[in-house]
Amino acid sequence: MMRGGLFLAACVTILLGVAAAEAWSSGARAMHESDALLALGKSRPAAVQARRAAESALPWSPYPALGYARLEAIAMAAEVEGRSEDAAFAWRAMRSAAMATRPASAGQGKVAIADEGILRVARSPASGVASVASARESLLRSQLAERP
């Protein structure tokens, strides 16, 4: 009976270790891909990979924080350059990563940051006529308020 319990505990420990190693390497791979894509000037695919890194939530892993920082950097750079669609894409990627990993601490506060970025891009002159932007902002605020 004792041996069976020890064997089960060993199996569970091994499975958890394999899962943790996969999450860690997945985050590392995603950040490496994001780096390569950014070097090629491909911000949207880089944001997709940064989101994957942000979602690789694992205690003590640096990759979720790096992924969120990369998403914010991509979004802010796109805003400064007037690429509102790319900025909105990166802010939405940050929001969805934070929602997907809500219990993990790496995404804490990121939903609010992403929401502000989404709304700021919607208000920007590059996103259309002021009245259209105002209508989009109202719609976005109501949609964001409905989500948890």
C-alpha atoms as a PDB file:
ATOM      1  CA  MET A   1       0.000   0.000   0.000  1.00  0.00           C
ATOM      2  CA  MET A   2       2.797   2.406   0.916  1.00  0.00           C
ATOM      3  CA  ARG A   3       4.694   1.548  -2.282  1.00  0.00           C
ATOM      4  CA  GLY A   4       1.624   2.266  -4.398  1.00  0.00           C
ATOM      5  CA  GLY A   5       1.247   5.691  -2.815  1.00  0.00           C
ATOM      6  CA  LEU A   6       4.933   6.490  -3.328  1.00  0.00           C
ATOM      7  CA  PHE A   7       4.747   5.336  -6.939  1.00  0.00           C
ATOM      8  CA  LEU A   8       1.696   7.510  -7.555  1.00  0.00           C
ATOM      9  CA  ALA A   9       3.376  10.512  -5.916  1.00  0.00           C
ATOM     10  CA  ALA A  10       6.491   9.964  -8.047  1.00  0.00           C
ATOM     11  CA  CYS A  11       4.392   9.767 -11.225  1.00  0.00           C
ATOM     12  CA  VAL A  12       2.504  12.947 -10.379  1.00  0.00           C
ATOM     13  CA  THR A  13       5.773  14.749  -9.592  1.00  0.00           C
ATOM     14  CA  ILE A  14       7.294  13.651 -12.896  1.00  0.00           C
ATOM     15  CA  LEU A  15       4.213  14.735 -14.844  1.00  0.00           C
ATOM     16  CA  LEU A  16       4.178  18.133 -13.136  1.00  0.00           C
ATOM     17  CA  GLY A  17       7.872  18.536 -13.868  1.00  0.00           C
ATOM     18  CA  VAL A  18       7.362  17.731 -17.550  1.00  0.00           C
ATOM     19  CA  ALA A  19       4.444  20.159 -17.775  1.00  0.00           C
ATOM     20  CA  ALA A  20       6.488  22.895 -16.081  1.00  0.00           C
ATOM     21  CA  ALA A  21       9.439  22.304 -18.396  1.00  0.00           C
ATOM     22  CA  GLU A  22       7.139  22.515 -21.418  1.00  0.00           C
ATOM     23  CA  ALA A  23       5.585  25.787 -20.199  1.00  0.00           C
ATOM     24  CA  TRP A  24       9.041  27.232 -19.537  1.00  0.00           C
ATOM     25  CA  SER A  25      10.431  26.236 -22.932  1.00  0.00           C
ATOM     26  CA  SER A  26       7.238  27.387 -24.647  1.00  0.00           C
ATOM     27  CA  GLY A  27       7.686  30.867 -23.160  1.00  0.00           C
ATOM     28  CA  ALA A  28      11.358  30.931 -24.151  1.00  0.00           C
ATOM     29  CA  ARG A  29      10.542  29.816 -27.701  1.00  0.00           C
ATOM     30  CA  ALA A  30       7.779  32.408 -28.019  1.00  0.00           C
ATOM     31  CA  MET A  31      10.059  35.260 -26.910  1.00  0.00           C
ATOM     32  CA  HIS A  32      12.802  34.076 -29.284  1.00  0.00           C
ATOM     33  CA  GLU A  33      10.291  34.043 -32.151  1.00  0.00           C
ATOM     34  CA  SER A  34       8.996  37.466 -31.147  1.00  0.00           C
ATOM     35  CA  ASP A  35      12.558  38.830 -31.218  1.00  0.00           C
ATOM     36  CA  ALA A  36      13.152  37.404 -34.688  1.00  0.00           C
ATOM     37  CA  LEU A  37       9.856  38.718 -36.052  1.00  0.00           C
ATOM     38  CA  LEU A  38      10.445  42.199 -34.630  1.00  0.00           C
ATOM     39  CA  ALA A  39      13.882  42.248 -36.260  1.00  0.00           C
ATOM     40  CA  LEU A  40      12.070  41.653 -39.570  1.00  0.00           C
ATOM     41  CA  GLY A  41       9.610  44.472 -38.829  1.00  0.00           C
ATOM     42  CA  LYS A  42       6.625  42.122 -38.434  1.00  0.00           C
ATOM     43  CA  SER A  43       4.913  43.599 -35.393  1.00  0.00           C
ATOM     44  CA  ARG A  44       1.639  41.650 -35.505  1.00  0.00           C
ATOM     45  CA  PRO A  45       3.210  38.174 -35.652  1.00  0.00           C
ATOM     46  CA  ALA A  46       5.677  39.375 -32.986  1.00  0.00           C
ATOM     47  CA  ALA A  47       2.702  40.372 -30.820  1.00  0.00           C
ATOM     48  CA  VAL A  48       1.163  36.909 -31.304  1.00  0.00           C
ATOM     49  CA  GLN A  49       4.358  35.297 -30.055  1.00  0.00           C
ATOM     50  CA  ALA A  50       4.639  37.768 -27.168  1.00  0.00           C
ATOM     51  CA  ARG A  51       1.101  36.838 -26.175  1.00  0.00           C
ATOM     52  CA  ARG A  52       2.106  33.168 -26.110  1.00  0.00           C
ATOM     53  CA  ALA A  53       5.002  34.065 -23.825  1.00  0.00           C
ATOM     54  CA  ALA A  54       2.687  36.078 -21.581  1.00  0.00           C
ATOM     55  CA  GLU A  55       0.352  33.100 -21.351  1.00  0.00           C
ATOM     56  CA  SER A  56       3.138  30.720 -20.326  1.00  0.00           C
ATOM     57  CA  ALA A  57       2.358  31.369 -16.675  1.00  0.00           C
ATOM     58  CA  LEU A  58       4.639  29.398 -14.417  1.00  0.00           C
ATOM     59  CA  PRO A  59       6.001  30.424 -11.016  1.00  0.00           C
ATOM     60  CA  TRP A  60       9.438  32.049 -11.286  1.00  0.00           C
ATOM     61  CA  SER A  61       9.398  32.068 -15.083  1.00  0.00           C
ATOM     62  CA  PRO A  62      10.535  35.365 -16.586  1.00  0.00           C
ATOM     63  CA  TYR A  63       8.623  34.831 -19.826  1.00  0.00           C
ATOM     64  CA  PRO A  64       5.126  36.032 -18.855  1.00  0.00           C
ATOM     65  CA  ALA A  65       6.501  39.376 -17.660  1.00  0.00           C
ATOM     66  CA  LEU A  66       8.703  39.625 -20.750  1.00  0.00           C
ATOM     67  CA  GLY A  67       5.724  38.836 -22.967  1.00  0.00           C
ATOM     68  CA  TYR A  68       3.586  41.538 -21.358  1.00  0.00           C
ATOM     69  CA  ALA A  69       6.429  44.055 -21.608  1.00  0.00           C
ATOM     70  CA  ARG A  70       6.891  43.190 -25.275  1.00  0.00           C
ATOM     71  CA  LEU A  71       3.173  43.582 -26.002  1.00  0.00           C
ATOM     72  CA  GLU A  72       3.154  46.971 -24.316  1.00  0.00           C
ATOM     73  CA  ALA A  73       6.274  48.055 -26.226  1.00  0.00           C
ATOM     74  CA  ILE A  74       4.788  46.952 -29.566  1.00  0.00           C
ATOM     75  CA  ALA A  75       1.517  48.749 -28.821  1.00  0.00           C
ATOM     76  CA  MET A  76       3.191  51.959 -27.663  1.00  0.00           C
ATOM     77  CA  ALA A  77       5.574  52.036 -30.641  1.00  0.00           C
ATOM     78  CA  ALA A  78       2.664  51.520 -33.023  1.00  0.00           C
ATOM     79  CA  GLU A  79       0.735  54.343 -31.339  1.00  0.00           C
ATOM     80  CA  VAL A  80       3.692  56.721 -31.637  1.00  0.00           C
ATOM     81  CA  GLU A  81       4.130  55.761 -35.307  1.00  0.00           C
ATOM     82  CA  GLY A  82       0.424  56.307 -36.018  1.00  0.00           C
ATOM     83  CA  ARG A  83      -0.283  52.638 -36.777  1.00  0.00           C
ATOM     84  CA  SER A  84      -3.512  52.499 -34.794  1.00  0.00           C
ATOM     85  CA  GLU A  85      -4.610  49.085 -36.105  1.00  0.00           C
ATOM     86  CA  ASP A  86      -1.321  47.487 -35.055  1.00  0.00           C
ATOM     87  CA  ALA A  87      -1.501  49.244 -31.676  1.00  0.00           C
ATOM     88  CA  ALA A  88      -5.052  48.034 -31.084  1.00  0.00           C
ATOM     89  CA  PHE A  89      -3.998  44.511 -32.104  1.00  0.00           C
ATOM     90  CA  ALA A  90      -1.188  44.477 -29.519  1.00  0.00           C
ATOM     91  CA  TRP A  91      -3.391  45.973 -26.769  1.00  0.00           C
ATOM     92  CA  ARG A  92      -6.072  43.342 -27.459  1.00  0.00           C
ATOM     93  CA  ALA A  93      -3.421  40.612 -27.355  1.00  0.00           C
ATOM     94  CA  MET A  94      -2.307  41.879 -23.953  1.00  0.00           C
ATOM     95  CA  ARG A  95      -5.885  41.954 -22.689  1.00  0.00           C
ATOM     96  CA  SER A  96      -6.647  38.439 -23.865  1.00  0.00           C
ATOM     97  CA  ALA A  97      -3.420  37.040 -22.394  1.00  0.00           C
ATOM     98  CA  ALA A  98      -4.246  38.658 -19.057  1.00  0.00           C
ATOM     99  CA  MET A  99      -7.792  37.287 -19.165  1.00  0.00           C
ATOM    100  CA  ALA A 100      -6.540  33.813 -20.079  1.00  0.00           C
ATOM    101  CA  THR A 101      -4.117  33.735 -17.150  1.00  0.00           C
ATOM    102  CA  ARG A 102      -6.127  35.744 -14.643  1.00  0.00           C
ATOM    103  CA  PRO A 103      -5.258  33.623 -11.575  1.00  0.00           C
ATOM    104  CA  ALA A 104      -1.529  34.031 -12.313  1.00  0.00           C
ATOM    105  CA  SER A 105       0.129  37.102 -10.864  1.00  0.00           C
ATOM    106  CA  ALA A 106       2.088  38.051 -14.014  1.00  0.00           C
ATOM    107  CA  GLY A 107      -1.043  39.401 -15.684  1.00  0.00           C
ATOM    108  CA  GLN A 108      -2.254  41.321 -12.653  1.00  0.00           C
ATOM    109  CA  GLY A 109      -3.294  44.827 -13.631  1.00  0.00           C
ATOM    110  CA  LYS A 110      -2.680  44.171 -17.317  1.00  0.00           C
ATOM    111  CA  VAL A 111      -6.386  44.148 -18.244  1.00  0.00           C
ATOM    112  CA  ALA A 112      -6.742  47.745 -17.060  1.00  0.00           C
ATOM    113  CA  ILE A 113      -3.585  48.818 -18.902  1.00  0.00           C
ATOM    114  CA  ALA A 114      -4.771  47.129 -22.088  1.00  0.00           C
ATOM    115  CA  ASP A 115      -8.260  48.624 -21.769  1.00  0.00           C
ATOM    116  CA  GLU A 116      -6.793  52.106 -21.496  1.00  0.00           C
ATOM    117  CA  GLY A 117      -4.612  51.461 -24.531  1.00  0.00           C
ATOM    118  CA  ILE A 118      -7.567  50.158 -26.544  1.00  0.00           C
ATOM    119  CA  LEU A 119      -9.621  53.218 -25.654  1.00  0.00           C
ATOM    120  CA  ARG A 120      -6.735  55.608 -26.323  1.00  0.00           C
ATOM    121  CA  VAL A 121      -6.235  54.126 -29.799  1.00  0.00           C
ATOM    122  CA  ALA A 122      -9.974  54.364 -30.473  1.00  0.00           C
ATOM    123  CA  ARG A 123      -9.860  58.086 -29.595  1.00  0.00           C
ATOM    124  CA  SER A 124      -6.790  58.809 -31.705  1.00  0.00           C
ATOM    125  CA  PRO A 125      -7.223  60.934 -34.839  1.00  0.00           C
ATOM    126  CA  ALA A 126      -5.558  58.190 -36.900  1.00  0.00           C
ATOM    127  CA  SER A 127      -8.480  55.874 -36.160  1.00  0.00           C
ATOM    128  CA  GLY A 128     -11.039  58.028 -37.985  1.00  0.00           C
ATOM    129  CA  VAL A 129     -13.297  61.038 -37.652  1.00  0.00           C
ATOM    130  CA  ALA A 130     -13.753  62.346 -34.098  1.00  0.00           C
ATOM    131  CA  SER A 131     -17.465  61.488 -33.967  1.00  0.00           C
ATOM    132  CA  VAL A 132     -16.750  57.948 -35.174  1.00  0.00           C
ATOM    133  CA  ALA A 133     -13.995  57.637 -32.573  1.00  0.00           C
ATOM    134  CA  SER A 134     -16.370  58.859 -29.888  1.00  0.00           C
ATOM    135  CA  ALA A 135     -18.974  56.298 -30.930  1.00  0.00           C
ATOM    136  CA  ARG A 136     -16.319  53.569 -31.003  1.00  0.00           C
ATOM    137  CA  GLU A 137     -15.140  54.599 -27.534  1.00  0.00           C
ATOM    138  CA  SER A 138     -18.667  54.381 -26.132  1.00  0.00           C
ATOM    139  CA  LEU A 139     -19.131  50.966 -27.693  1.00  0.00           C
ATOM    140  CA  LEU A 140     -15.754  49.746 -26.426  1.00  0.00           C
ATOM    141  CA  ARG A 141     -16.424  51.022 -22.900  1.00  0.00           C
ATOM    142  CA  SER A 142     -19.766  49.198 -22.804  1.00  0.00           C
ATOM    143  CA  GLN A 143     -18.226  45.993 -24.156  1.00  0.00           C
ATOM    144  CA  LEU A 144     -15.303  46.134 -21.741  1.00  0.00           C
ATOM    145  CA  ALA A 145     -17.649  46.784 -18.812  1.00  0.00           C
ATOM    146  CA  GLU A 146     -19.613  43.640 -19.674  1.00  0.00           C
ATOM    147  CA  ARG A 147     -16.541  41.418 -19.546  1.00  0.00           C
ATOM    148  CA  PRO A 148     -15.183  40.065 -16.262  1.00  0.00           C
END
